[in-house]
Structure formats: C-alpha cells, structure tokens
Amino acid sequence: MAQIGLVCLGIYLLKDELKQTTNPKIALTSHQMDFYLPVLPEERVTVISEKQVFRFHKLKCKVKLLNSKGELVARGDIAGMLMIK
C-alpha cells in the first residue's frame, strides 16, 4: 500500500520538478494501518490514496485497500519525505 499510495502519489505531485537526470529518493517516516480482511494469492486489490498534506516535500496521505468485491480490507495514514537531488 505504501508503494502505490505514497510513492506513486509523491512522484506524481513532483512531476514538474523531476527531470530525466534526477533520482528521487523517498523515505517512509510514519504509518498507522488497520487491517480488516485477508487478501489471498491471485486476488485483485485496489488502493485508493488521498493527499492530506504536501508541504516542503513531506507527504501525508490516507490510504484504503479494497478487494475485488469492493470490501474494505485495510485503511490508515502513511507519511514520508521526498528528496530530489
């Protein structure tokens, strides 16, 4: 969930600052997750991420994980830092 919900959203938000030669670094700083249902192998899931705060390259977002039936599997908050050199 962190790879899709935090990393992909962070790269999308910084798309204008990223160039071909830059190598962004992303660090997970905190997370709080609640899990409700198991996910079995070969099951399709959907990750929904909503930006809460994006300031000074620090991103905090709410994420939800839904199974193929649309049932809530997990939800929580994830935060991380985005570094561009």
PDB file of N, CA and C in Angstrom:
ATOM      1  N   MET A   1       0.820  -1.188   0.000  1.00  0.00           N
ATOM      2  CA  MET A   1       0.000   0.000   0.000  1.00  0.00           C
ATOM      3  C   MET A   1       0.865   1.254   0.000  1.00  0.00           C
ATOM      4  N   ALA A   2       1.988   1.196   0.697  1.00  0.00           N
ATOM      5  CA  ALA A   2       2.848   2.376   0.747  1.00  0.00           C
ATOM      6  C   ALA A   2       3.479   2.661  -0.613  1.00  0.00           C
ATOM      7  N   GLN A   3       3.825   1.606  -1.360  1.00  0.00           N
ATOM      8  CA  GLN A   3       4.443   1.817  -2.668  1.00  0.00           C
ATOM      9  C   GLN A   3       3.487   2.509  -3.623  1.00  0.00           C
ATOM     10  N   ILE A   4       2.238   2.131  -3.596  1.00  0.00           N
ATOM     11  CA  ILE A   4       1.273   2.736  -4.508  1.00  0.00           C
ATOM     12  C   ILE A   4       0.706   4.016  -3.913  1.00  0.00           C
ATOM     13  N   GLY A   5       0.270   3.953  -2.665  1.00  0.00           N
ATOM     14  CA  GLY A   5      -0.421   5.080  -2.055  1.00  0.00           C
ATOM     15  C   GLY A   5       0.457   6.272  -1.758  1.00  0.00           C
ATOM     16  N   LEU A   6       1.714   6.044  -1.406  1.00  0.00           N
ATOM     17  CA  LEU A   6       2.606   7.148  -1.037  1.00  0.00           C
ATOM     18  C   LEU A   6       3.608   7.458  -2.149  1.00  0.00           C
ATOM     19  N   VAL A   7       4.326   6.449  -2.607  1.00  0.00           N
ATOM     20  CA  VAL A   7       5.408   6.678  -3.566  1.00  0.00           C
ATOM     21  C   VAL A   7       4.876   7.179  -4.911  1.00  0.00           C
ATOM     22  N   CYS A   8       3.892   6.495  -5.462  1.00  0.00           N
ATOM     23  CA  CYS A   8       3.357   6.916  -6.767  1.00  0.00           C
ATOM     24  C   CYS A   8       2.706   8.292  -6.692  1.00  0.00           C
ATOM     25  N   LEU A   9       1.980   8.553  -5.617  1.00  0.00           N
ATOM     26  CA  LEU A   9       1.366   9.871  -5.449  1.00  0.00           C
ATOM     27  C   LEU A   9       2.438  10.950  -5.312  1.00  0.00           C
ATOM     28  N   GLY A  10       3.508  10.659  -4.569  1.00  0.00           N
ATOM     29  CA  GLY A  10       4.597  11.624  -4.415  1.00  0.00           C
ATOM     30  C   GLY A  10       5.300  11.932  -5.723  1.00  0.00           C
ATOM     31  N   ILE A  11       5.559  10.913  -6.519  1.00  0.00           N
ATOM     32  CA  ILE A  11       6.191  11.130  -7.820  1.00  0.00           C
ATOM     33  C   ILE A  11       5.273  11.943  -8.724  1.00  0.00           C
ATOM     34  N   TYR A  12       3.990  11.652  -8.681  1.00  0.00           N
ATOM     35  CA  TYR A  12       3.034  12.415  -9.490  1.00  0.00           C
ATOM     36  C   TYR A  12       3.013  13.889  -9.068  1.00  0.00           C
ATOM     37  N   LEU A  13       3.032  14.157  -7.763  1.00  0.00           N
ATOM     38  CA  LEU A  13       2.993  15.540  -7.287  1.00  0.00           C
ATOM     39  C   LEU A  13       4.259  16.310  -7.654  1.00  0.00           C
ATOM     40  N   LEU A  14       5.385  15.608  -7.774  1.00  0.00           N
ATOM     41  CA  LEU A  14       6.657  16.257  -8.096  1.00  0.00           C
ATOM     42  C   LEU A  14       7.023  16.148  -9.572  1.00  0.00           C
ATOM     43  N   LYS A  15       6.086  15.758 -10.415  1.00  0.00           N
ATOM     44  CA  LYS A  15       6.402  15.512 -11.824  1.00  0.00           C
ATOM     45  C   LYS A  15       7.002  16.718 -12.528  1.00  0.00           C
ATOM     46  N   ASP A  16       6.630  17.925 -12.125  1.00  0.00           N
ATOM     47  CA  ASP A  16       7.181  19.114 -12.771  1.00  0.00           C
ATOM     48  C   ASP A  16       8.619  19.386 -12.337  1.00  0.00           C
ATOM     49  N   GLU A  17       8.994  18.950 -11.130  1.00  0.00           N
ATOM     50  CA  GLU A  17      10.355  19.174 -10.634  1.00  0.00           C
ATOM     51  C   GLU A  17      11.323  18.087 -11.086  1.00  0.00           C
ATOM     52  N   LEU A  18      10.790  16.935 -11.425  1.00  0.00           N
ATOM     53  CA  LEU A  18      11.654  15.826 -11.827  1.00  0.00           C
ATOM     54  C   LEU A  18      12.134  16.016 -13.257  1.00  0.00           C
ATOM     55  N   LYS A  19      13.379  15.692 -13.477  1.00  0.00           N
ATOM     56  CA  LYS A  19      13.962  15.744 -14.809  1.00  0.00           C
ATOM     57  C   LYS A  19      14.482  14.350 -15.134  1.00  0.00           C
ATOM     58  N   GLN A  20      14.947  14.172 -16.346  1.00  0.00           N
ATOM     59  CA  GLN A  20      15.457  12.863 -16.764  1.00  0.00           C
ATOM     60  C   GLN A  20      16.670  12.432 -15.937  1.00  0.00           C
ATOM     61  N   THR A  21      17.477  13.384 -15.471  1.00  0.00           N
ATOM     62  CA  THR A  21      18.719  13.042 -14.786  1.00  0.00           C
ATOM     63  C   THR A  21      18.563  12.929 -13.274  1.00  0.00           C
ATOM     64  N   THR A  22      17.423  13.318 -12.728  1.00  0.00           N
ATOM     65  CA  THR A  22      17.271  13.271 -11.279  1.00  0.00           C
ATOM     66  C   THR A  22      16.877  11.877 -10.825  1.00  0.00           C
ATOM     67  N   ASN A  23      17.214  11.579  -9.594  1.00  0.00           N
ATOM     68  CA  ASN A  23      16.894  10.290  -8.994  1.00  0.00           C
ATOM     69  C   ASN A  23      16.195  10.561  -7.667  1.00  0.00           C
ATOM     70  N   PRO A  24      14.866  10.593  -7.649  1.00  0.00           N
ATOM     71  CA  PRO A  24      14.170  10.914  -6.395  1.00  0.00           C
ATOM     72  C   PRO A  24      14.341   9.808  -5.363  1.00  0.00           C
ATOM     73  N   LYS A  25      14.439  10.217  -4.124  1.00  0.00           N
ATOM     74  CA  LYS A  25      14.527   9.271  -3.010  1.00  0.00           C
ATOM     75  C   LYS A  25      13.318   9.509  -2.115  1.00  0.00           C
ATOM     76  N   ILE A  26      12.718   8.431  -1.675  1.00  0.00           N
ATOM     77  CA  ILE A  26      11.509   8.525  -0.868  1.00  0.00           C
ATOM     78  C   ILE A  26      11.706   7.692   0.386  1.00  0.00           C
ATOM     79  N   ALA A  27      11.427   8.290   1.540  1.00  0.00           N
ATOM     80  CA  ALA A  27      11.588   7.600   2.817  1.00  0.00           C
ATOM     81  C   ALA A  27      10.257   7.594   3.562  1.00  0.00           C
ATOM     82  N   LEU A  28       9.872   6.435   4.039  1.00  0.00           N
ATOM     83  CA  LEU A  28       8.671   6.304   4.853  1.00  0.00           C
ATOM     84  C   LEU A  28       9.002   6.803   6.255  1.00  0.00           C
ATOM     85  N   THR A  29       8.225   7.751   6.773  1.00  0.00           N
ATOM     86  CA  THR A  29       8.511   8.300   8.101  1.00  0.00           C
ATOM     87  C   THR A  29       7.554   7.802   9.170  1.00  0.00           C
ATOM     88  N   SER A  30       6.303   7.560   8.810  1.00  0.00           N
ATOM     89  CA  SER A  30       5.359   7.033   9.806  1.00  0.00           C
ATOM     90  C   SER A  30       4.182   6.371   9.105  1.00  0.00           C
ATOM     91  N   HIS A  31       3.555   5.471   9.822  1.00  0.00           N
ATOM     92  CA  HIS A  31       2.365   4.821   9.290  1.00  0.00           C
ATOM     93  C   HIS A  31       1.496   4.326  10.439  1.00  0.00           C
ATOM     94  N   GLN A  32       0.224   4.273  10.184  1.00  0.00           N
ATOM     95  CA  GLN A  32      -0.752   3.726  11.129  1.00  0.00           C
ATOM     96  C   GLN A  32      -1.798   3.034  10.277  1.00  0.00           C
ATOM     97  N   MET A  33      -1.833   1.719  10.340  1.00  0.00           N
ATOM     98  CA  MET A  33      -2.726   0.945   9.479  1.00  0.00           C
ATOM     99  C   MET A  33      -3.611   0.037  10.323  1.00  0.00           C
ATOM    100  N   ASP A  34      -4.840  -0.144   9.863  1.00  0.00           N
ATOM    101  CA  ASP A  34      -5.774  -1.100  10.452  1.00  0.00           C
ATOM    102  C   ASP A  34      -6.142  -2.096   9.360  1.00  0.00           C
ATOM    103  N   PHE A  35      -6.039  -3.392   9.669  1.00  0.00           N
ATOM    104  CA  PHE A  35      -6.337  -4.452   8.711  1.00  0.00           C
ATOM    105  C   PHE A  35      -7.606  -5.168   9.142  1.00  0.00           C
ATOM    106  N   TYR A  36      -8.502  -5.420   8.182  1.00  0.00           N
ATOM    107  CA  TYR A  36      -9.809  -5.989   8.495  1.00  0.00           C
ATOM    108  C   TYR A  36     -10.046  -7.362   7.879  1.00  0.00           C
ATOM    109  N   LEU A  37      -9.579  -7.597   6.660  1.00  0.00           N
ATOM    110  CA  LEU A  37      -9.821  -8.852   5.952  1.00  0.00           C
ATOM    111  C   LEU A  37      -8.515  -9.365   5.353  1.00  0.00           C
ATOM    112  N   PRO A  38      -8.398 -10.684   5.151  1.00  0.00           N
ATOM    113  CA  PRO A  38      -7.198 -11.214   4.489  1.00  0.00           C
ATOM    114  C   PRO A  38      -7.272 -11.023   2.976  1.00  0.00           C
ATOM    115  N   VAL A  39      -6.105 -10.991   2.350  1.00  0.00           N
ATOM    116  CA  VAL A  39      -6.003 -10.957   0.892  1.00  0.00           C
ATOM    117  C   VAL A  39      -5.301 -12.241   0.477  1.00  0.00           C
ATOM    118  N   LEU A  40      -5.961 -13.029  -0.349  1.00  0.00           N
ATOM    119  CA  LEU A  40      -5.429 -14.312  -0.783  1.00  0.00           C
ATOM    120  C   LEU A  40      -4.585 -14.143  -2.040  1.00  0.00           C
ATOM    121  N   PRO A  41      -3.677 -15.098  -2.324  1.00  0.00           N
ATOM    122  CA  PRO A  41      -2.881 -15.018  -3.556  1.00  0.00           C
ATOM    123  C   PRO A  41      -3.781 -14.964  -4.791  1.00  0.00           C
ATOM    124  N   GLU A  42      -3.334 -14.241  -5.793  1.00  0.00           N
ATOM    125  CA  GLU A  42      -4.048 -14.060  -7.061  1.00  0.00           C
ATOM    126  C   GLU A  42      -5.294 -13.186  -6.952  1.00  0.00           C
ATOM    127  N   GLU A  43      -5.589 -12.639  -5.782  1.00  0.00           N
ATOM    128  CA  GLU A  43      -6.755 -11.767  -5.629  1.00  0.00           C
ATOM    129  C   GLU A  43      -6.386 -10.351  -6.063  1.00  0.00           C
ATOM    130  N   ARG A  44      -7.265  -9.704  -6.801  1.00  0.00           N
ATOM    131  CA  ARG A  44      -7.033  -8.323  -7.240  1.00  0.00           C
ATOM    132  C   ARG A  44      -7.479  -7.367  -6.147  1.00  0.00           C
ATOM    133  N   VAL A  45      -6.668  -6.346  -5.920  1.00  0.00           N
ATOM    134  CA  VAL A  45      -6.994  -5.325  -4.928  1.00  0.00           C
ATOM    135  C   VAL A  45      -6.862  -3.944  -5.566  1.00  0.00           C
ATOM    136  N   THR A  46      -7.513  -2.969  -4.949  1.00  0.00           N
ATOM    137  CA  THR A  46      -7.453  -1.584  -5.403  1.00  0.00           C
ATOM    138  C   THR A  46      -6.986  -0.716  -4.245  1.00  0.00           C
ATOM    139  N   VAL A  47      -6.006   0.145  -4.502  1.00  0.00           N
ATOM    140  CA  VAL A  47      -5.510   1.075  -3.493  1.00  0.00           C
ATOM    141  C   VAL A  47      -6.016   2.467  -3.844  1.00  0.00           C
ATOM    142  N   ILE A  48      -6.633   3.123  -2.865  1.00  0.00           N
ATOM    143  CA  ILE A  48      -7.115   4.499  -3.036  1.00  0.00           C
ATOM    144  C   ILE A  48      -6.342   5.375  -2.062  1.00  0.00           C
ATOM    145  N   SER A  49      -5.696   6.408  -2.582  1.00  0.00           N
ATOM    146  CA  SER A  49      -4.877   7.296  -1.764  1.00  0.00           C
ATOM    147  C   SER A  49      -5.391   8.725  -1.888  1.00  0.00           C
ATOM    148  N   GLU A  50      -5.554   9.389  -0.753  1.00  0.00           N
ATOM    149  CA  GLU A  50      -5.998  10.783  -0.733  1.00  0.00           C
ATOM    150  C   GLU A  50      -4.948  11.629  -0.025  1.00  0.00           C
ATOM    151  N   LYS A  51      -4.495  12.674  -0.711  1.00  0.00           N
ATOM    152  CA  LYS A  51      -3.479  13.567  -0.141  1.00  0.00           C
ATOM    153  C   LYS A  51      -4.081  14.344   1.025  1.00  0.00           C
ATOM    154  N   GLN A  52      -3.407  14.326   2.168  1.00  0.00           N
ATOM    155  CA  GLN A  52      -3.810  15.121   3.326  1.00  0.00           C
ATOM    156  C   GLN A  52      -2.963  16.390   3.410  1.00  0.00           C
ATOM    157  N   VAL A  53      -1.642  16.212   3.361  1.00  0.00           N
ATOM    158  CA  VAL A  53      -0.704  17.337   3.459  1.00  0.00           C
ATOM    159  C   VAL A  53       0.445  17.092   2.491  1.00  0.00           C
ATOM    160  N   PHE A  54       0.844  18.125   1.760  1.00  0.00           N
ATOM    161  CA  PHE A  54       2.051  18.071   0.946  1.00  0.00           C
ATOM    162  C   PHE A  54       2.725  19.424   1.050  1.00  0.00           C
ATOM    163  N   ARG A  55       3.749  19.493   1.924  1.00  0.00           N
ATOM    164  CA  ARG A  55       4.457  20.747   2.187  1.00  0.00           C
ATOM    165  C   ARG A  55       5.925  20.448   2.418  1.00  0.00           C
ATOM    166  N   PHE A  56       6.789  21.255   1.829  1.00  0.00           N
ATOM    167  CA  PHE A  56       8.242  21.105   1.988  1.00  0.00           C
ATOM    168  C   PHE A  56       8.694  19.678   1.669  1.00  0.00           C
ATOM    169  N   HIS A  57       8.102  19.099   0.631  1.00  0.00           N
ATOM    170  CA  HIS A  57       8.409  17.741   0.164  1.00  0.00           C
ATOM    171  C   HIS A  57       8.064  16.670   1.193  1.00  0.00           C
ATOM    172  N   LYS A  58       7.199  16.972   2.134  1.00  0.00           N
ATOM    173  CA  LYS A  58       6.694  15.969   3.070  1.00  0.00           C
ATOM    174  C   LYS A  58       5.249  15.678   2.684  1.00  0.00           C
ATOM    175  N   LEU A  59       4.949  14.402   2.513  1.00  0.00           N
ATOM    176  CA  LEU A  59       3.628  13.977   2.052  1.00  0.00           C
ATOM    177  C   LEU A  59       2.968  13.103   3.108  1.00  0.00           C
ATOM    178  N   LYS A  60       1.725  13.413   3.404  1.00  0.00           N
ATOM    179  CA  LYS A  60       0.920  12.572   4.289  1.00  0.00           C
ATOM    180  C   LYS A  60      -0.370  12.266   3.551  1.00  0.00           C
ATOM    181  N   CYS A  61      -0.759  10.992   3.540  1.00  0.00           N
ATOM    182  CA  CYS A  61      -1.980  10.629   2.824  1.00  0.00           C
ATOM    183  C   CYS A  61      -2.754   9.542   3.563  1.00  0.00           C
ATOM    184  N   LYS A  62      -4.050   9.518   3.303  1.00  0.00           N
ATOM    185  CA  LYS A  62      -4.934   8.467   3.795  1.00  0.00           C
ATOM    186  C   LYS A  62      -5.044   7.430   2.687  1.00  0.00           C
ATOM    187  N   VAL A  63      -4.902   6.160   3.047  1.00  0.00           N
ATOM    188  CA  VAL A  63      -4.991   5.098   2.053  1.00  0.00           C
ATOM    189  C   VAL A  63      -6.048   4.080   2.455  1.00  0.00           C
ATOM    190  N   LYS A  64      -6.687   3.513   1.440  1.00  0.00           N
ATOM    191  CA  LYS A  64      -7.656   2.436   1.635  1.00  0.00           C
ATOM    192  C   LYS A  64      -7.312   1.321   0.660  1.00  0.00           C
ATOM    193  N   LEU A  65      -7.491   0.087   1.103  1.00  0.00           N
ATOM    194  CA  LEU A  65      -7.286  -1.082   0.263  1.00  0.00           C
ATOM    195  C   LEU A  65      -8.614  -1.814   0.157  1.00  0.00           C
ATOM    196  N   LEU A  66      -9.086  -1.999  -1.078  1.00  0.00           N
ATOM    197  CA  LEU A  66     -10.357  -2.676  -1.330  1.00  0.00           C
ATOM    198  C   LEU A  66     -10.095  -3.966  -2.099  1.00  0.00           C
ATOM    199  N   ASN A  67     -10.871  -5.010  -1.796  1.00  0.00           N
ATOM    200  CA  ASN A  67     -10.736  -6.248  -2.560  1.00  0.00           C
ATOM    201  C   ASN A  67     -11.597  -6.180  -3.813  1.00  0.00           C
ATOM    202  N   SER A  68     -11.644  -7.274  -4.568  1.00  0.00           N
ATOM    203  CA  SER A  68     -12.373  -7.268  -5.841  1.00  0.00           C
ATOM    204  C   SER A  68     -13.879  -7.129  -5.657  1.00  0.00           C
ATOM    205  N   LYS A  69     -14.382  -7.417  -4.466  1.00  0.00           N
ATOM    206  CA  LYS A  69     -15.812  -7.256  -4.174  1.00  0.00           C
ATOM    207  C   LYS A  69     -16.142  -5.842  -3.695  1.00  0.00           C
ATOM    208  N   GLY A  70     -15.126  -4.998  -3.547  1.00  0.00           N
ATOM    209  CA  GLY A  70     -15.335  -3.637  -3.059  1.00  0.00           C
ATOM    210  C   GLY A  70     -15.354  -3.539  -1.551  1.00  0.00           C
ATOM    211  N   GLU A  71     -14.978  -4.615  -0.859  1.00  0.00           N
ATOM    212  CA  GLU A  71     -14.958  -4.616   0.608  1.00  0.00           C
ATOM    213  C   GLU A  71     -13.671  -3.977   1.116  1.00  0.00           C
ATOM    214  N   LEU A  72     -13.766  -3.259   2.215  1.00  0.00           N
ATOM    215  CA  LEU A  72     -12.603  -2.610   2.818  1.00  0.00           C
ATOM    216  C   LEU A  72     -11.714  -3.663   3.472  1.00  0.00           C
ATOM    217  N   VAL A  73     -10.479  -3.772   3.009  1.00  0.00           N
ATOM    218  CA  VAL A  73      -9.519  -4.734   3.534  1.00  0.00           C
ATOM    219  C   VAL A  73      -8.628  -4.075   4.577  1.00  0.00           C
ATOM    220  N   ALA A  74      -8.178  -2.842   4.302  1.00  0.00           N
ATOM    221  CA  ALA A  74      -7.301  -2.120   5.222  1.00  0.00           C
ATOM    222  C   ALA A  74      -7.440  -0.630   4.964  1.00  0.00           C
ATOM    223  N   ARG A  75      -7.111   0.162   5.993  1.00  0.00           N
ATOM    224  CA  ARG A  75      -7.074   1.615   5.834  1.00  0.00           C
ATOM    225  C   ARG A  75      -6.130   2.196   6.871  1.00  0.00           C
ATOM    226  N   GLY A  76      -5.676   3.423   6.597  1.00  0.00           N
ATOM    227  CA  GLY A  76      -4.776   4.062   7.539  1.00  0.00           C
ATOM    228  C   GLY A  76      -4.142   5.317   6.973  1.00  0.00           C
ATOM    229  N   ASP A  77      -3.129   5.803   7.694  1.00  0.00           N
ATOM    230  CA  ASP A  77      -2.389   7.006   7.314  1.00  0.00           C
ATOM    231  C   ASP A  77      -0.933   6.630   7.081  1.00  0.00           C
ATOM    232  N   ILE A  78      -0.338   7.185   6.029  1.00  0.00           N
ATOM    233  CA  ILE A  78       1.064   6.956   5.702  1.00  0.00           C
ATOM    234  C   ILE A  78       1.707   8.310   5.440  1.00  0.00           C
ATOM    235  N   ALA A  79       2.932   8.501   5.940  1.00  0.00           N
ATOM    236  CA  ALA A  79       3.658   9.753   5.716  1.00  0.00           C
ATOM    237  C   ALA A  79       5.083   9.440   5.274  1.00  0.00           C
ATOM    238  N   GLY A  80       5.646  10.332   4.469  1.00  0.00           N
ATOM    239  CA  GLY A  80       7.003  10.141   4.000  1.00  0.00           C
ATOM    240  C   GLY A  80       7.620  11.439   3.513  1.00  0.00           C
ATOM    241  N   MET A  81       8.932  11.397   3.309  1.00  0.00           N
ATOM    242  CA  MET A  81       9.694  12.534   2.797  1.00  0.00           C
ATOM    243  C   MET A  81      10.147  12.220   1.379  1.00  0.00           C
ATOM    244  N   LEU A  82      10.100  13.219   0.515  1.00  0.00           N
ATOM    245  CA  LEU A  82      10.532  13.088  -0.868  1.00  0.00           C
ATOM    246  C   LEU A  82      11.761  13.964  -1.066  1.00  0.00           C
ATOM    247  N   MET A  83      12.872  13.352  -1.487  1.00  0.00           N
ATOM    248  CA  MET A  83      14.116  14.092  -1.661  1.00  0.00           C
ATOM    249  C   MET A  83      14.520  14.065  -3.123  1.00  0.00           C
ATOM    250  N   ILE A  84      14.812  15.241  -3.669  1.00  0.00           N
ATOM    251  CA  ILE A  84      15.245  15.359  -5.059  1.00  0.00           C
ATOM    252  C   ILE A  84      16.631  15.974  -5.067  1.00  0.00           C
ATOM    253  N   LYS A  85      17.556  15.336  -5.787  1.00  0.00           N
ATOM    254  CA  LYS A  85      18.912  15.877  -5.879  1.00  0.00           C
ATOM    255  C   LYS A  85      19.254  16.151  -7.302  1.00  0.00           C
TER     256      LYS A  85
END
